[in-house]
């Protein structure tokens, strides 16, 4: 049965397993898809995403690099690599990836925002004041969390702006 699987069959099975949060099994399927068709970018990408879920960031970056070798003009590949580099706090390298995204897609608003926040992480260290009581000290918010919070607020703001325009009759974007 497994011998008759095509690269797309393995890929589809991997996607289903990933949806079920069975990351190790999904990874195996994506790896089998890549063995059958080494230039199949989606299998490289989802292998990388799955490795991120397993917190195997260096391996995820290697997958994105393989996909980039196949087609360096896909902005999402560079973005995924940059975001993964942020997980490793390798912000300078991440900014270089985000710069590449913006070379390919100059108007990519999410990447523009992420790039600015990543540069902020390079130049600012969050220092928590000393606690005077015995409560547990809360660690500083990570740069990745700041990026996620900003992106969430931006998405929600766009949603509410659109809803307001629809209610008051102002033309949308």
N, C-alpha and C. Protein backbone atom coordinates (compact mmCIF):
# COMPACT_ATOMS: atom_id res chain seq x y z
N UNK A 1 0.82 -1.18 0.00
CA UNK A 1 0.00 0.00 0.00
C UNK A 1 0.87 1.25 0.00
N UNK A 2 1.86 1.33 0.89
CA UNK A 2 2.68 2.53 0.96
C UNK A 2 3.54 2.70 -0.28
N UNK A 3 3.86 1.62 -0.99
CA UNK A 3 4.67 1.73 -2.19
C UNK A 3 3.93 2.42 -3.33
N UNK A 4 2.61 2.39 -3.32
CA UNK A 4 1.84 3.00 -4.39
C UNK A 4 1.53 4.47 -4.11
N UNK A 5 1.95 4.97 -2.96
CA UNK A 5 1.70 6.37 -2.63
C UNK A 5 2.51 7.28 -3.55
N UNK A 6 1.90 8.34 -4.02
CA UNK A 6 2.60 9.36 -4.78
C UNK A 6 3.02 10.48 -3.83
N UNK A 7 3.82 11.40 -4.34
CA UNK A 7 4.23 12.51 -3.48
C UNK A 7 3.03 13.32 -3.01
N UNK A 8 2.01 13.45 -3.86
CA UNK A 8 0.83 14.22 -3.45
C UNK A 8 0.01 13.46 -2.40
N UNK A 9 0.00 12.14 -2.50
CA UNK A 9 -0.71 11.33 -1.50
C UNK A 9 -0.04 11.50 -0.14
N UNK A 10 1.29 11.42 -0.13
CA UNK A 10 2.02 11.60 1.14
C UNK A 10 1.79 13.01 1.68
N UNK A 11 1.81 13.99 0.79
CA UNK A 11 1.62 15.37 1.22
C UNK A 11 0.23 15.55 1.83
N UNK A 12 -0.79 15.05 1.15
CA UNK A 12 -2.17 15.18 1.66
C UNK A 12 -2.33 14.47 3.00
N UNK A 13 -1.72 13.31 3.12
CA UNK A 13 -1.79 12.58 4.39
C UNK A 13 -1.09 13.38 5.49
N UNK A 14 0.05 13.98 5.17
CA UNK A 14 0.77 14.82 6.12
C UNK A 14 -0.06 16.02 6.57
N UNK A 15 -0.77 16.64 5.62
CA UNK A 15 -1.62 17.78 5.97
C UNK A 15 -2.73 17.36 6.93
N UNK A 16 -3.33 16.21 6.66
CA UNK A 16 -4.40 15.72 7.53
C UNK A 16 -3.86 15.44 8.93
N UNK A 17 -2.69 14.83 9.01
CA UNK A 17 -2.09 14.54 10.31
C UNK A 17 -1.69 15.81 11.04
N UNK A 18 -1.21 16.79 10.29
CA UNK A 18 -0.85 18.06 10.93
C UNK A 18 -2.10 18.74 11.50
N UNK A 19 -3.20 18.68 10.76
CA UNK A 19 -4.46 19.24 11.25
C UNK A 19 -4.89 18.57 12.56
N UNK A 20 -4.54 17.30 12.70
CA UNK A 20 -4.86 16.56 13.92
C UNK A 20 -3.77 16.75 15.00
N UNK A 21 -2.80 17.61 14.71
CA UNK A 21 -1.68 17.90 15.62
C UNK A 21 -0.83 16.66 15.90
N UNK A 22 -0.77 15.78 14.93
CA UNK A 22 0.11 14.60 15.00
C UNK A 22 1.37 14.94 14.21
N UNK A 23 2.20 15.79 14.81
CA UNK A 23 3.30 16.41 14.09
C UNK A 23 4.39 15.43 13.67
N UNK A 24 4.75 14.50 14.52
CA UNK A 24 5.80 13.55 14.16
C UNK A 24 5.38 12.70 12.96
N UNK A 25 4.13 12.26 12.96
CA UNK A 25 3.63 11.46 11.84
C UNK A 25 3.52 12.31 10.57
N UNK A 26 3.07 13.55 10.73
CA UNK A 26 2.96 14.46 9.59
C UNK A 26 4.34 14.71 8.98
N UNK A 27 5.32 14.91 9.84
CA UNK A 27 6.69 15.15 9.38
C UNK A 27 7.17 13.99 8.52
N UNK A 28 6.91 12.77 8.97
CA UNK A 28 7.31 11.59 8.22
C UNK A 28 6.68 11.60 6.82
N UNK A 29 5.42 11.99 6.73
CA UNK A 29 4.74 12.04 5.43
C UNK A 29 5.35 13.10 4.52
N UNK A 30 5.64 14.28 5.07
CA UNK A 30 6.23 15.34 4.26
C UNK A 30 7.63 14.94 3.78
N UNK A 31 8.37 14.24 4.63
CA UNK A 31 9.69 13.77 4.23
C UNK A 31 9.60 12.75 3.10
N UNK A 32 8.59 11.89 3.16
CA UNK A 32 8.40 10.91 2.09
C UNK A 32 8.00 11.60 0.79
N UNK A 33 7.18 12.65 0.88
CA UNK A 33 6.80 13.41 -0.32
C UNK A 33 8.03 14.04 -0.97
N UNK A 34 8.92 14.59 -0.14
CA UNK A 34 10.13 15.23 -0.66
C UNK A 34 11.06 14.20 -1.29
N UNK A 35 11.13 13.00 -0.71
CA UNK A 35 11.96 11.94 -1.31
C UNK A 35 11.47 11.58 -2.70
N UNK A 36 10.15 11.57 -2.87
CA UNK A 36 9.58 11.23 -4.17
C UNK A 36 9.67 12.37 -5.18
N UNK A 37 9.60 13.61 -4.69
CA UNK A 37 9.67 14.77 -5.57
C UNK A 37 10.43 15.88 -4.84
N UNK A 38 11.75 15.89 -4.97
CA UNK A 38 12.59 16.83 -4.22
C UNK A 38 12.33 18.31 -4.52
N UNK A 39 11.71 18.62 -5.65
CA UNK A 39 11.46 20.03 -5.97
C UNK A 39 10.03 20.46 -5.65
N UNK A 40 9.33 19.68 -4.84
CA UNK A 40 7.95 20.00 -4.46
C UNK A 40 7.97 20.93 -3.25
N UNK A 41 7.90 22.22 -3.53
CA UNK A 41 8.05 23.25 -2.50
C UNK A 41 7.05 23.10 -1.35
N UNK A 42 5.76 22.85 -1.60
CA UNK A 42 4.84 22.75 -0.45
C UNK A 42 5.26 21.70 0.59
N UNK A 43 5.84 20.60 0.14
CA UNK A 43 6.28 19.58 1.11
C UNK A 43 7.44 20.10 1.95
N UNK A 44 8.35 20.87 1.34
CA UNK A 44 9.43 21.48 2.11
C UNK A 44 8.88 22.47 3.12
N UNK A 45 7.92 23.30 2.67
CA UNK A 45 7.35 24.32 3.54
C UNK A 45 6.66 23.68 4.74
N UNK A 46 5.80 22.71 4.48
CA UNK A 46 5.06 22.11 5.59
C UNK A 46 5.94 21.21 6.45
N UNK A 47 7.00 20.71 5.88
CA UNK A 47 7.98 20.00 6.71
C UNK A 47 8.58 21.02 7.68
N UNK A 48 8.91 22.21 7.19
CA UNK A 48 9.44 23.26 8.05
C UNK A 48 8.45 23.68 9.12
N UNK A 49 7.20 23.88 8.73
CA UNK A 49 6.17 24.29 9.68
C UNK A 49 5.99 23.23 10.77
N UNK A 50 5.99 21.98 10.35
CA UNK A 50 5.84 20.88 11.31
C UNK A 50 7.03 20.83 12.26
N UNK A 51 8.22 21.04 11.72
CA UNK A 51 9.41 21.05 12.58
C UNK A 51 9.34 22.20 13.58
N UNK A 52 8.79 23.33 13.17
CA UNK A 52 8.59 24.43 14.12
C UNK A 52 7.65 24.01 15.24
N UNK A 53 6.58 23.30 14.89
CA UNK A 53 5.65 22.82 15.92
C UNK A 53 6.35 21.90 16.91
N UNK A 54 7.35 21.20 16.42
CA UNK A 54 8.13 20.30 17.28
C UNK A 54 9.31 21.03 17.94
N UNK A 55 9.38 22.34 17.74
CA UNK A 55 10.44 23.20 18.28
C UNK A 55 11.82 22.78 17.80
N UNK A 56 11.88 22.31 16.57
CA UNK A 56 13.15 21.93 15.94
C UNK A 56 13.46 23.00 14.88
N UNK A 57 13.79 24.19 15.39
CA UNK A 57 13.87 25.38 14.54
C UNK A 57 15.01 25.32 13.52
N UNK A 58 16.16 24.82 13.90
CA UNK A 58 17.28 24.76 12.94
C UNK A 58 16.92 23.87 11.75
N UNK A 59 16.25 22.77 12.03
CA UNK A 59 15.84 21.87 10.95
C UNK A 59 14.77 22.53 10.08
N UNK A 60 13.90 23.31 10.70
CA UNK A 60 12.88 24.03 9.95
C UNK A 60 13.53 25.02 8.99
N UNK A 61 14.54 25.74 9.48
CA UNK A 61 15.25 26.70 8.63
C UNK A 61 15.90 25.97 7.45
N UNK A 62 16.45 24.80 7.71
CA UNK A 62 17.07 24.02 6.63
C UNK A 62 16.03 23.66 5.56
N UNK A 63 14.81 23.36 5.98
CA UNK A 63 13.74 23.06 5.01
C UNK A 63 13.39 24.30 4.18
N UNK A 64 13.28 25.45 4.85
CA UNK A 64 12.99 26.68 4.11
C UNK A 64 14.12 27.00 3.15
N UNK A 65 15.36 26.74 3.56
CA UNK A 65 16.49 26.96 2.66
C UNK A 65 16.40 26.08 1.42
N UNK A 66 15.98 24.85 1.61
CA UNK A 66 15.83 23.95 0.45
C UNK A 66 14.76 24.49 -0.51
N UNK A 67 13.65 24.95 0.04
CA UNK A 67 12.59 25.50 -0.78
C UNK A 67 13.07 26.77 -1.50
N UNK A 68 13.85 27.59 -0.81
CA UNK A 68 14.38 28.82 -1.40
C UNK A 68 15.34 28.49 -2.54
N UNK A 69 16.11 27.41 -2.40
CA UNK A 69 16.99 26.99 -3.50
C UNK A 69 16.18 26.66 -4.75
N UNK A 70 15.02 26.07 -4.55
CA UNK A 70 14.17 25.69 -5.68
C UNK A 70 13.59 26.93 -6.35
N UNK A 71 13.09 27.87 -5.55
CA UNK A 71 12.54 29.11 -6.09
C UNK A 71 12.75 30.25 -5.10
N UNK A 72 13.81 31.03 -5.31
CA UNK A 72 14.11 32.12 -4.37
C UNK A 72 13.18 33.33 -4.49
N UNK A 73 12.24 33.28 -5.41
CA UNK A 73 11.35 34.42 -5.63
C UNK A 73 9.98 34.26 -4.99
N UNK A 74 9.86 33.36 -4.02
CA UNK A 74 8.61 33.17 -3.30
C UNK A 74 8.74 33.86 -1.95
N UNK A 75 8.01 34.95 -1.79
CA UNK A 75 8.13 35.77 -0.58
C UNK A 75 7.82 34.99 0.69
N UNK A 76 6.82 34.12 0.66
CA UNK A 76 6.43 33.38 1.86
C UNK A 76 7.55 32.49 2.39
N UNK A 77 8.40 31.99 1.52
CA UNK A 77 9.52 31.16 1.97
C UNK A 77 10.48 31.99 2.82
N UNK A 78 10.78 33.18 2.35
CA UNK A 78 11.67 34.07 3.09
C UNK A 78 11.02 34.51 4.39
N UNK A 79 9.71 34.76 4.34
CA UNK A 79 9.01 35.18 5.56
C UNK A 79 9.04 34.07 6.62
N UNK A 80 8.73 32.85 6.20
CA UNK A 80 8.75 31.72 7.14
C UNK A 80 10.14 31.55 7.76
N UNK A 81 11.16 31.67 6.93
CA UNK A 81 12.53 31.55 7.44
C UNK A 81 12.81 32.66 8.45
N UNK A 82 12.43 33.89 8.12
CA UNK A 82 12.64 35.02 9.02
C UNK A 82 11.91 34.84 10.34
N UNK A 83 10.68 34.40 10.27
CA UNK A 83 9.90 34.20 11.50
C UNK A 83 10.54 33.12 12.37
N UNK A 84 11.04 32.08 11.75
CA UNK A 84 11.70 31.01 12.50
C UNK A 84 13.00 31.51 13.13
N UNK A 85 13.72 32.34 12.40
CA UNK A 85 14.94 32.94 12.96
C UNK A 85 14.60 33.80 14.19
N UNK A 86 13.45 34.46 14.15
CA UNK A 86 13.01 35.23 15.33
C UNK A 86 12.82 34.32 16.53
N UNK A 87 12.29 33.12 16.30
CA UNK A 87 12.13 32.17 17.40
C UNK A 87 13.46 31.83 18.05
N UNK A 88 14.51 31.89 17.26
CA UNK A 88 15.86 31.61 17.77
C UNK A 88 16.57 32.88 18.24
N UNK A 89 15.86 34.00 18.19
CA UNK A 89 16.39 35.31 18.57
C UNK A 89 17.57 35.73 17.68
N UNK A 90 17.56 35.25 16.46
CA UNK A 90 18.58 35.64 15.48
C UNK A 90 17.98 36.75 14.62
N UNK A 91 17.81 37.89 15.26
CA UNK A 91 17.04 38.99 14.67
C UNK A 91 17.72 39.61 13.46
N UNK A 92 19.02 39.73 13.47
CA UNK A 92 19.72 40.33 12.32
C UNK A 92 19.48 39.51 11.05
N UNK A 93 19.60 38.20 11.16
CA UNK A 93 19.33 37.33 10.02
C UNK A 93 17.86 37.40 9.62
N UNK A 94 16.99 37.51 10.60
CA UNK A 94 15.56 37.60 10.31
C UNK A 94 15.26 38.86 9.51
N UNK A 95 15.86 39.97 9.89
CA UNK A 95 15.64 41.23 9.17
C UNK A 95 16.09 41.08 7.72
N UNK A 96 17.19 40.39 7.50
CA UNK A 96 17.66 40.16 6.13
C UNK A 96 16.61 39.37 5.33
N UNK A 97 15.99 38.40 5.95
CA UNK A 97 14.93 37.63 5.28
C UNK A 97 13.73 38.53 4.98
N UNK A 98 13.34 39.36 5.95
CA UNK A 98 12.21 40.25 5.73
C UNK A 98 12.53 41.27 4.64
N UNK A 99 13.79 41.69 4.55
CA UNK A 99 14.19 42.59 3.46
C UNK A 99 13.99 41.90 2.11
N UNK A 100 14.32 40.62 2.06
CA UNK A 100 14.15 39.87 0.81
C UNK A 100 12.66 39.76 0.45
N UNK A 101 11.81 39.54 1.46
CA UNK A 101 10.36 39.51 1.21
C UNK A 101 9.94 40.81 0.56
N UNK A 102 10.42 41.93 1.11
CA UNK A 102 10.00 43.24 0.62
C UNK A 102 10.60 43.59 -0.73
N UNK A 103 11.70 42.95 -1.10
CA UNK A 103 12.21 43.09 -2.47
C UNK A 103 11.24 42.43 -3.45
N UNK A 104 10.70 41.28 -3.04
CA UNK A 104 9.78 40.52 -3.89
C UNK A 104 8.39 41.14 -3.87
N UNK A 105 7.92 41.50 -2.69
CA UNK A 105 6.58 42.09 -2.50
C UNK A 105 6.70 43.37 -1.68
N UNK A 106 7.01 44.49 -2.33
CA UNK A 106 7.26 45.74 -1.58
C UNK A 106 6.10 46.21 -0.71
N UNK A 107 4.88 45.82 -1.03
CA UNK A 107 3.71 46.28 -0.28
C UNK A 107 3.19 45.27 0.73
N UNK A 108 4.01 44.29 1.10
CA UNK A 108 3.59 43.26 2.05
C UNK A 108 3.53 43.89 3.44
N UNK A 109 2.33 44.30 3.85
CA UNK A 109 2.15 45.04 5.10
C UNK A 109 2.53 44.22 6.33
N UNK A 110 2.20 42.96 6.34
CA UNK A 110 2.54 42.12 7.49
C UNK A 110 4.05 42.05 7.65
N UNK A 111 4.75 41.86 6.55
CA UNK A 111 6.21 41.79 6.62
C UNK A 111 6.80 43.14 7.03
N UNK A 112 6.24 44.22 6.53
CA UNK A 112 6.73 45.54 6.92
C UNK A 112 6.63 45.71 8.44
N UNK A 113 5.50 45.34 8.99
CA UNK A 113 5.29 45.46 10.44
C UNK A 113 6.23 44.53 11.20
N UNK A 114 6.33 43.30 10.76
CA UNK A 114 7.19 42.33 11.43
C UNK A 114 8.64 42.79 11.39
N UNK A 115 9.05 43.33 10.26
CA UNK A 115 10.43 43.82 10.12
C UNK A 115 10.71 44.93 11.13
N UNK A 116 9.79 45.89 11.24
CA UNK A 116 9.98 47.00 12.18
C UNK A 116 10.07 46.47 13.61
N UNK A 117 9.19 45.55 13.97
CA UNK A 117 9.21 45.00 15.32
C UNK A 117 10.49 44.20 15.58
N UNK A 118 10.97 43.52 14.57
CA UNK A 118 12.20 42.75 14.72
C UNK A 118 13.38 43.68 14.91
N UNK A 119 13.41 44.77 14.16
CA UNK A 119 14.47 45.76 14.36
C UNK A 119 14.38 46.32 15.77
N UNK A 120 13.17 46.53 16.25
CA UNK A 120 12.99 46.99 17.63
C UNK A 120 13.55 46.00 18.62
N UNK A 121 13.38 44.73 18.35
CA UNK A 121 13.93 43.70 19.24
C UNK A 121 15.45 43.73 19.24
N UNK A 122 16.03 44.12 18.11
CA UNK A 122 17.49 44.23 18.02
C UNK A 122 18.02 45.37 18.87
N UNK A 123 17.26 46.45 18.94
CA UNK A 123 17.78 47.67 19.57
C UNK A 123 17.27 47.92 20.98
N UNK A 124 16.26 47.19 21.42
CA UNK A 124 15.69 47.43 22.74
C UNK A 124 15.64 46.14 23.55
N UNK A 125 16.08 46.24 24.75
CA UNK A 125 15.96 45.12 25.67
C UNK A 125 14.91 45.49 26.70
N UNK A 126 13.96 44.63 26.90
CA UNK A 126 12.94 44.88 27.91
C UNK A 126 13.51 44.50 29.26
N UNK A 127 13.53 45.47 30.19
CA UNK A 127 14.05 45.22 31.52
C UNK A 127 12.90 45.34 32.51
N UNK A 128 12.69 44.30 33.25
CA UNK A 128 11.63 44.30 34.25
C UNK A 128 12.17 44.88 35.55
N UNK A 129 11.38 45.74 36.22
CA UNK A 129 11.82 46.27 37.50
C UNK A 129 11.88 45.16 38.54
N UNK A 130 12.71 45.37 39.53
CA UNK A 130 12.82 44.39 40.62
C UNK A 130 11.50 44.32 41.37
N UNK A 131 11.11 43.14 41.71
CA UNK A 131 9.89 42.92 42.48
C UNK A 131 10.22 43.10 43.96
N UNK A 132 9.35 43.79 44.68
CA UNK A 132 9.59 43.98 46.11
C UNK A 132 8.80 43.00 46.96
N UNK A 133 7.79 42.40 46.36
CA UNK A 133 7.02 41.43 47.14
C UNK A 133 7.44 40.02 46.75
N UNK A 134 6.75 39.04 47.27
CA UNK A 134 7.14 37.65 47.04
C UNK A 134 6.40 37.00 45.89
N UNK A 135 5.66 37.80 45.11
CA UNK A 135 4.97 37.19 43.98
C UNK A 135 5.98 36.75 42.93
N UNK A 136 5.57 35.78 42.14
CA UNK A 136 6.44 35.24 41.12
C UNK A 136 6.75 36.30 40.07
N UNK A 137 8.02 36.41 39.70
CA UNK A 137 8.43 37.40 38.71
C UNK A 137 8.00 36.93 37.33
N UNK A 138 7.39 37.84 36.58
CA UNK A 138 6.94 37.54 35.24
C UNK A 138 8.04 37.90 34.26
N UNK A 139 8.39 36.98 33.33
CA UNK A 139 9.45 37.29 32.38
C UNK A 139 8.99 38.37 31.40
N UNK A 140 9.94 39.10 30.79
CA UNK A 140 9.56 40.13 29.83
C UNK A 140 8.89 39.50 28.61
N UNK A 141 8.04 40.27 27.97
CA UNK A 141 7.37 39.77 26.77
C UNK A 141 8.41 39.58 25.68
N UNK A 142 8.31 38.49 24.97
CA UNK A 142 9.28 38.21 23.92
C UNK A 142 8.98 39.04 22.68
N UNK A 143 9.99 39.21 21.87
CA UNK A 143 9.80 39.96 20.62
C UNK A 143 8.77 39.26 19.74
N UNK A 144 8.77 37.92 19.76
CA UNK A 144 7.80 37.19 18.95
C UNK A 144 6.38 37.47 19.41
N UNK A 145 6.20 37.54 20.73
CA UNK A 145 4.87 37.83 21.27
C UNK A 145 4.45 39.25 20.90
N UNK A 146 5.40 40.19 20.93
CA UNK A 146 5.10 41.55 20.52
C UNK A 146 4.63 41.59 19.07
N UNK A 147 5.31 40.82 18.22
CA UNK A 147 4.93 40.76 16.81
C UNK A 147 3.52 40.21 16.68
N UNK A 148 3.24 39.10 17.37
CA UNK A 148 1.92 38.49 17.29
C UNK A 148 0.84 39.43 17.81
N UNK A 149 1.10 40.12 18.91
CA UNK A 149 0.12 41.05 19.48
C UNK A 149 -0.15 42.17 18.50
N UNK A 150 0.90 42.73 17.92
CA UNK A 150 0.73 43.83 16.97
C UNK A 150 -0.04 43.38 15.74
N UNK A 151 0.30 42.20 15.22
CA UNK A 151 -0.41 41.69 14.04
C UNK A 151 -1.87 41.43 14.36
N UNK A 152 -2.15 40.91 15.55
CA UNK A 152 -3.53 40.67 15.96
C UNK A 152 -4.30 41.98 16.04
N UNK A 153 -3.69 42.97 16.70
CA UNK A 153 -4.36 44.26 16.82
C UNK A 153 -4.59 44.89 15.46
N UNK A 154 -3.63 44.74 14.57
CA UNK A 154 -3.78 45.31 13.23
C UNK A 154 -4.93 44.63 12.49
N UNK A 155 -4.99 43.30 12.56
CA UNK A 155 -6.07 42.58 11.89
C UNK A 155 -7.42 42.97 12.47
N UNK A 156 -7.49 43.03 13.81
CA UNK A 156 -8.75 43.39 14.45
C UNK A 156 -9.13 44.83 14.12
N UNK A 157 -8.14 45.73 14.08
CA UNK A 157 -8.40 47.13 13.74
C UNK A 157 -8.95 47.25 12.34
N UNK A 158 -8.39 46.49 11.39
CA UNK A 158 -8.89 46.52 10.02
C UNK A 158 -10.31 46.00 9.98
N UNK A 159 -10.61 44.95 10.75
CA UNK A 159 -11.95 44.40 10.78
C UNK A 159 -12.93 45.43 11.30
N UNK A 160 -12.58 46.09 12.42
CA UNK A 160 -13.49 47.06 13.01
C UNK A 160 -13.62 48.30 12.14
N UNK A 161 -12.53 48.73 11.48
CA UNK A 161 -12.61 49.86 10.55
C UNK A 161 -13.59 49.54 9.42
N UNK A 162 -13.50 48.31 8.88
CA UNK A 162 -14.39 47.90 7.79
C UNK A 162 -15.84 47.85 8.28
N UNK A 163 -16.04 47.32 9.49
CA UNK A 163 -17.39 47.24 10.04
C UNK A 163 -17.96 48.65 10.23
N UNK A 164 -17.15 49.59 10.72
CA UNK A 164 -17.62 50.97 10.93
C UNK A 164 -18.02 51.61 9.62
N UNK A 165 -17.22 51.39 8.57
CA UNK A 165 -17.55 51.97 7.27
C UNK A 165 -18.85 51.40 6.73
N UNK A 166 -19.07 50.10 6.96
CA UNK A 166 -20.30 49.49 6.48
C UNK A 166 -21.52 50.05 7.22
N UNK A 167 -21.35 50.33 8.50
CA UNK A 167 -22.47 50.84 9.30
C UNK A 167 -22.78 52.28 8.94
N UNK A 168 -21.74 53.13 8.81
CA UNK A 168 -22.03 54.54 8.56
C UNK A 168 -22.11 54.88 7.07
N UNK A 169 -21.93 53.89 6.20
CA UNK A 169 -22.10 54.11 4.76
C UNK A 169 -20.86 54.65 4.06
N UNK A 170 -19.75 54.82 4.78
CA UNK A 170 -18.52 55.29 4.18
C UNK A 170 -18.01 54.20 3.27
N UNK A 171 -17.52 54.54 2.06
CA UNK A 171 -17.01 53.50 1.18
C UNK A 171 -15.82 52.78 1.79
N UNK A 172 -15.72 51.49 1.55
CA UNK A 172 -14.61 50.69 2.05
C UNK A 172 -13.36 50.95 1.24
N UNK A 173 -12.32 50.19 1.55
CA UNK A 173 -11.03 50.34 0.86
C UNK A 173 -11.10 49.91 -0.57
